[in-house]
N, C-alpha and C. Protein backbone atom coordinates (compact mmCIF):
# COMPACT_ATOMS: atom_id res chain seq x y z
N MET A 1 166.76 53.79 129.66
CA MET A 1 167.73 53.47 128.61
C MET A 1 168.53 52.24 129.01
N ASP A 2 168.63 51.33 128.10
CA ASP A 2 169.42 50.13 128.35
C ASP A 2 170.79 50.28 127.71
N TRP A 3 171.75 49.69 128.39
CA TRP A 3 173.10 49.65 127.82
C TRP A 3 173.08 48.64 126.68
N GLN A 4 173.64 49.03 125.58
CA GLN A 4 173.71 48.11 124.44
C GLN A 4 175.11 48.09 123.87
N HIS A 5 175.45 46.94 123.35
CA HIS A 5 176.78 46.78 122.76
C HIS A 5 176.84 47.56 121.45
N ILE A 6 177.92 48.29 121.28
CA ILE A 6 178.12 49.06 120.04
C ILE A 6 179.22 48.39 119.23
N THR A 7 178.90 48.04 118.02
CA THR A 7 179.93 47.54 117.11
C THR A 7 180.51 48.75 116.39
N LEU A 8 181.80 48.95 116.57
CA LEU A 8 182.43 50.11 115.95
C LEU A 8 182.49 49.97 114.44
N PRO A 9 182.23 51.04 113.73
CA PRO A 9 182.38 50.99 112.28
C PRO A 9 183.85 50.69 111.94
N PRO A 10 184.10 49.78 111.00
CA PRO A 10 185.47 49.40 110.64
C PRO A 10 186.35 50.58 110.22
N ILE A 11 185.74 51.64 109.71
CA ILE A 11 186.54 52.78 109.26
C ILE A 11 187.30 53.42 110.42
N LEU A 12 186.84 53.23 111.65
CA LEU A 12 187.54 53.80 112.80
C LEU A 12 188.93 53.19 112.98
N TYR A 13 189.08 51.92 112.60
CA TYR A 13 190.39 51.29 112.70
C TYR A 13 191.35 51.88 111.66
N ALA A 14 190.83 52.10 110.46
CA ALA A 14 191.65 52.75 109.43
C ALA A 14 191.96 54.18 109.83
N ASN A 15 190.98 54.84 110.45
CA ASN A 15 191.19 56.22 110.91
C ASN A 15 192.29 56.32 111.95
N THR A 16 192.41 55.30 112.79
CA THR A 16 193.48 55.29 113.79
C THR A 16 194.83 55.26 113.09
N LEU A 17 194.95 54.45 112.06
CA LEU A 17 196.21 54.39 111.31
C LEU A 17 196.50 55.71 110.60
N VAL A 18 195.46 56.34 110.06
CA VAL A 18 195.63 57.64 109.40
C VAL A 18 196.12 58.68 110.41
N LEU A 19 195.55 58.67 111.60
CA LEU A 19 195.94 59.62 112.63
C LEU A 19 197.39 59.39 113.07
N LEU A 20 197.77 58.15 113.21
CA LEU A 20 199.17 57.84 113.57
C LEU A 20 200.13 58.29 112.47
N ALA A 21 199.77 58.01 111.22
CA ALA A 21 200.62 58.43 110.09
C ALA A 21 200.73 59.95 110.04
N SER A 22 199.64 60.64 110.32
CA SER A 22 199.66 62.10 110.33
C SER A 22 200.60 62.62 111.41
N SER A 23 200.60 61.96 112.57
CA SER A 23 201.50 62.37 113.64
C SER A 23 202.96 62.20 113.23
N VAL A 24 203.25 61.11 112.53
CA VAL A 24 204.62 60.86 112.07
C VAL A 24 205.04 61.92 111.06
N THR A 25 204.18 62.21 110.09
CA THR A 25 204.56 63.20 109.07
C THR A 25 204.70 64.60 109.67
N LEU A 26 203.88 64.91 110.67
CA LEU A 26 204.02 66.21 111.32
C LEU A 26 205.34 66.30 112.08
N GLU A 27 205.73 65.23 112.72
CA GLU A 27 207.01 65.22 113.44
C GLU A 27 208.19 65.35 112.46
N ILE A 28 208.11 64.70 111.32
CA ILE A 28 209.16 64.83 110.32
C ILE A 28 209.26 66.29 109.86
N ALA A 29 208.12 66.91 109.59
CA ALA A 29 208.11 68.32 109.17
C ALA A 29 208.68 69.21 110.27
N ARG A 30 208.30 68.95 111.52
CA ARG A 30 208.80 69.75 112.64
C ARG A 30 210.31 69.65 112.75
N ARG A 31 210.84 68.45 112.58
CA ARG A 31 212.30 68.28 112.65
C ARG A 31 213.01 68.98 111.50
N ARG A 32 212.40 68.96 110.32
CA ARG A 32 213.02 69.66 109.18
C ARG A 32 213.03 71.17 109.41
N ILE A 33 211.93 71.68 109.96
CA ILE A 33 211.87 73.12 110.25
C ILE A 33 212.88 73.48 111.32
N ALA A 34 213.01 72.65 112.35
CA ALA A 34 213.98 72.90 113.42
C ALA A 34 215.40 72.87 112.88
N ALA A 35 215.68 71.94 111.98
CA ALA A 35 217.02 71.86 111.39
C ALA A 35 217.31 73.12 110.57
N TYR A 36 216.31 73.61 109.86
CA TYR A 36 216.50 74.84 109.09
C TYR A 36 216.74 76.02 110.03
N ALA A 37 215.97 76.09 111.11
CA ALA A 37 216.10 77.21 112.06
C ALA A 37 217.46 77.22 112.74
N ARG A 38 218.03 76.05 112.94
CA ARG A 38 219.35 75.96 113.59
C ARG A 38 220.49 76.12 112.59
N GLY A 39 220.16 76.19 111.30
CA GLY A 39 221.19 76.38 110.29
C GLY A 39 221.78 75.08 109.77
N PHE A 40 221.21 73.93 110.17
CA PHE A 40 221.73 72.65 109.69
C PHE A 40 221.25 72.32 108.29
N ASP A 41 220.16 72.93 107.89
CA ASP A 41 219.58 72.67 106.58
C ASP A 41 219.38 74.00 105.89
N SER A 42 219.80 74.10 104.65
CA SER A 42 219.68 75.37 103.94
C SER A 42 218.40 75.45 103.11
N LEU A 43 217.62 74.39 103.09
CA LEU A 43 216.43 74.35 102.26
C LEU A 43 215.18 74.40 103.13
N ALA A 44 214.58 75.58 103.22
CA ALA A 44 213.39 75.76 104.07
C ALA A 44 212.20 75.00 103.53
N ALA A 45 212.13 74.84 102.22
CA ALA A 45 210.98 74.18 101.60
C ALA A 45 210.99 72.66 101.79
N ALA A 46 212.03 72.12 102.41
CA ALA A 46 212.11 70.66 102.59
C ALA A 46 210.98 70.13 103.46
N SER A 47 210.43 70.97 104.31
CA SER A 47 209.34 70.52 105.18
C SER A 47 207.96 70.65 104.52
N LEU A 48 207.87 71.43 103.46
CA LEU A 48 206.57 71.68 102.84
C LEU A 48 205.85 70.41 102.37
N PRO A 49 206.51 69.49 101.68
CA PRO A 49 205.79 68.26 101.28
C PRO A 49 205.25 67.49 102.48
N TRP A 50 205.99 67.47 103.58
CA TRP A 50 205.53 66.76 104.78
C TRP A 50 204.33 67.45 105.41
N LEU A 51 204.31 68.77 105.35
CA LEU A 51 203.15 69.49 105.87
C LEU A 51 201.92 69.27 105.00
N VAL A 52 202.12 69.20 103.70
CA VAL A 52 201.00 68.92 102.78
C VAL A 52 200.46 67.51 103.04
N ILE A 53 201.35 66.55 103.23
CA ILE A 53 200.91 65.18 103.54
C ILE A 53 200.16 65.16 104.86
N THR A 54 200.66 65.88 105.85
CA THR A 54 199.99 65.95 107.16
C THR A 54 198.59 66.53 107.02
N LEU A 55 198.46 67.62 106.27
CA LEU A 55 197.16 68.25 106.06
C LEU A 55 196.21 67.28 105.35
N THR A 56 196.70 66.61 104.33
CA THR A 56 195.89 65.65 103.59
C THR A 56 195.41 64.52 104.50
N LEU A 57 196.32 64.00 105.32
CA LEU A 57 195.93 62.93 106.25
C LEU A 57 194.93 63.44 107.28
N GLY A 58 195.09 64.69 107.72
CA GLY A 58 194.14 65.27 108.66
C GLY A 58 192.75 65.39 108.07
N LEU A 59 192.68 65.83 106.82
CA LEU A 59 191.39 65.92 106.14
C LEU A 59 190.77 64.55 105.92
N LEU A 60 191.61 63.57 105.61
CA LEU A 60 191.15 62.20 105.45
C LEU A 60 190.59 61.67 106.77
N PHE A 61 191.25 62.01 107.87
CA PHE A 61 190.78 61.60 109.20
C PHE A 61 189.40 62.19 109.49
N VAL A 62 189.24 63.48 109.23
CA VAL A 62 187.95 64.14 109.49
C VAL A 62 186.86 63.51 108.62
N ALA A 63 187.17 63.23 107.37
CA ALA A 63 186.19 62.58 106.49
C ALA A 63 185.83 61.20 107.04
N GLY A 64 186.81 60.47 107.52
CA GLY A 64 186.56 59.16 108.10
C GLY A 64 185.67 59.24 109.33
N GLN A 65 185.89 60.26 110.17
CA GLN A 65 185.05 60.44 111.35
C GLN A 65 183.60 60.74 110.93
N CYS A 66 183.43 61.56 109.91
CA CYS A 66 182.08 61.85 109.42
C CYS A 66 181.40 60.58 108.91
N ILE A 67 182.14 59.77 108.19
CA ILE A 67 181.58 58.51 107.69
C ILE A 67 181.20 57.60 108.85
N ALA A 68 182.05 57.53 109.86
CA ALA A 68 181.77 56.69 111.02
C ALA A 68 180.49 57.15 111.72
N TRP A 69 180.34 58.46 111.92
CA TRP A 69 179.12 58.97 112.56
C TRP A 69 177.89 58.70 111.71
N MET A 70 178.03 58.79 110.39
CA MET A 70 176.90 58.48 109.51
C MET A 70 176.53 57.00 109.62
N GLN A 71 177.55 56.13 109.73
CA GLN A 71 177.27 54.70 109.88
C GLN A 71 176.58 54.42 111.22
N LEU A 72 177.01 55.07 112.27
CA LEU A 72 176.36 54.90 113.57
C LEU A 72 174.92 55.41 113.52
N LYS A 73 174.72 56.54 112.85
CA LYS A 73 173.38 57.09 112.70
C LYS A 73 172.48 56.13 111.92
N ALA A 74 173.03 55.54 110.85
CA ALA A 74 172.26 54.59 110.05
C ALA A 74 171.89 53.34 110.86
N ALA A 75 172.72 53.01 111.84
CA ALA A 75 172.43 51.86 112.71
C ALA A 75 171.47 52.24 113.83
N GLY A 76 171.05 53.51 113.88
CA GLY A 76 170.11 53.95 114.89
C GLY A 76 170.75 54.33 116.21
N LEU A 77 172.05 54.54 116.20
CA LEU A 77 172.75 54.92 117.43
C LEU A 77 173.01 56.42 117.41
N TYR A 78 172.38 57.09 118.34
CA TYR A 78 172.55 58.53 118.50
C TYR A 78 173.15 58.78 119.88
N LEU A 79 173.59 59.98 120.13
CA LEU A 79 174.18 60.30 121.42
C LEU A 79 173.22 60.03 122.57
N ALA A 80 171.95 60.34 122.37
CA ALA A 80 170.98 60.19 123.45
C ALA A 80 170.44 58.77 123.59
N THR A 81 170.70 57.88 122.63
CA THR A 81 170.11 56.54 122.68
C THR A 81 170.96 55.53 123.41
N ASN A 82 172.19 55.87 123.73
CA ASN A 82 173.05 54.91 124.38
C ASN A 82 173.72 55.55 125.59
N PRO A 83 173.48 55.00 126.79
CA PRO A 83 174.09 55.58 127.98
C PRO A 83 175.61 55.55 127.97
N ALA A 84 176.18 54.58 127.26
CA ALA A 84 177.65 54.50 127.20
C ALA A 84 178.22 55.73 126.51
N ILE A 85 177.60 56.15 125.44
CA ILE A 85 178.07 57.33 124.71
C ILE A 85 177.84 58.58 125.57
N SER A 86 176.66 58.66 126.19
CA SER A 86 176.37 59.81 127.05
C SER A 86 177.37 59.90 128.21
N ALA A 87 177.69 58.75 128.82
CA ALA A 87 178.64 58.74 129.94
C ALA A 87 180.02 59.18 129.48
N LEU A 88 180.42 58.71 128.30
CA LEU A 88 181.72 59.09 127.76
C LEU A 88 181.80 60.59 127.53
N LEU A 89 180.75 61.15 126.96
CA LEU A 89 180.74 62.59 126.70
C LEU A 89 180.69 63.40 127.99
N GLN A 90 179.97 62.89 129.00
CA GLN A 90 179.94 63.58 130.29
C GLN A 90 181.32 63.58 130.94
N ARG A 91 182.02 62.46 130.86
CA ARG A 91 183.38 62.39 131.41
C ARG A 91 184.31 63.34 130.67
N ALA A 92 184.18 63.38 129.35
CA ALA A 92 185.03 64.27 128.56
C ALA A 92 184.76 65.73 128.91
N ALA A 93 183.47 66.07 129.09
CA ALA A 93 183.13 67.45 129.44
C ALA A 93 183.65 67.79 130.83
N ALA A 94 183.53 66.85 131.76
CA ALA A 94 184.02 67.09 133.12
C ALA A 94 185.53 67.27 133.12
N ARG A 95 186.21 66.45 132.37
CA ARG A 95 187.67 66.54 132.29
C ARG A 95 188.09 67.87 131.66
N THR A 96 187.36 68.29 130.65
CA THR A 96 187.67 69.56 130.00
C THR A 96 187.48 70.70 130.98
N ALA A 97 186.39 70.69 131.72
CA ALA A 97 186.13 71.74 132.69
C ALA A 97 187.17 71.72 133.81
N GLU A 98 187.58 70.52 134.20
CA GLU A 98 188.57 70.36 135.26
C GLU A 98 189.92 70.94 134.86
N CYS A 99 190.31 70.70 133.64
CA CYS A 99 191.62 71.17 133.16
C CYS A 99 191.55 72.60 132.65
N GLY A 100 190.38 73.04 132.28
CA GLY A 100 190.24 74.38 131.73
C GLY A 100 190.69 74.47 130.29
N ARG A 101 190.85 73.32 129.67
CA ARG A 101 191.24 73.31 128.26
C ARG A 101 190.68 72.06 127.60
N PRO A 102 190.56 72.05 126.27
CA PRO A 102 190.02 70.89 125.58
C PRO A 102 190.90 69.64 125.75
N ILE A 103 190.26 68.50 125.66
CA ILE A 103 191.00 67.23 125.71
C ILE A 103 191.70 67.03 124.38
N GLY A 104 192.88 66.52 124.41
CA GLY A 104 193.54 66.22 123.15
C GLY A 104 194.99 66.39 123.15
């Protein structure tokens, strides 16, 4: 197997922004829930729209990842065809086993 350069599908860059936005909306929801739990906010439902936005962004992220994998597949890049991808997955598996929990 030869090492080959992989051009990332452009959707991965958009997916990064979606993931960051999802993190922000989740943090906003968490703070609203914490404020309600401490008695600073009397409206428990104030966090619900933020949680819905977070869920929507999460689903959008997963869809984007599926599209990216389909684009890589269409380009003929599979997990077994590129040593770079195999090495990355081996490192991730080793790290997971080392920590005893999933990466993330």
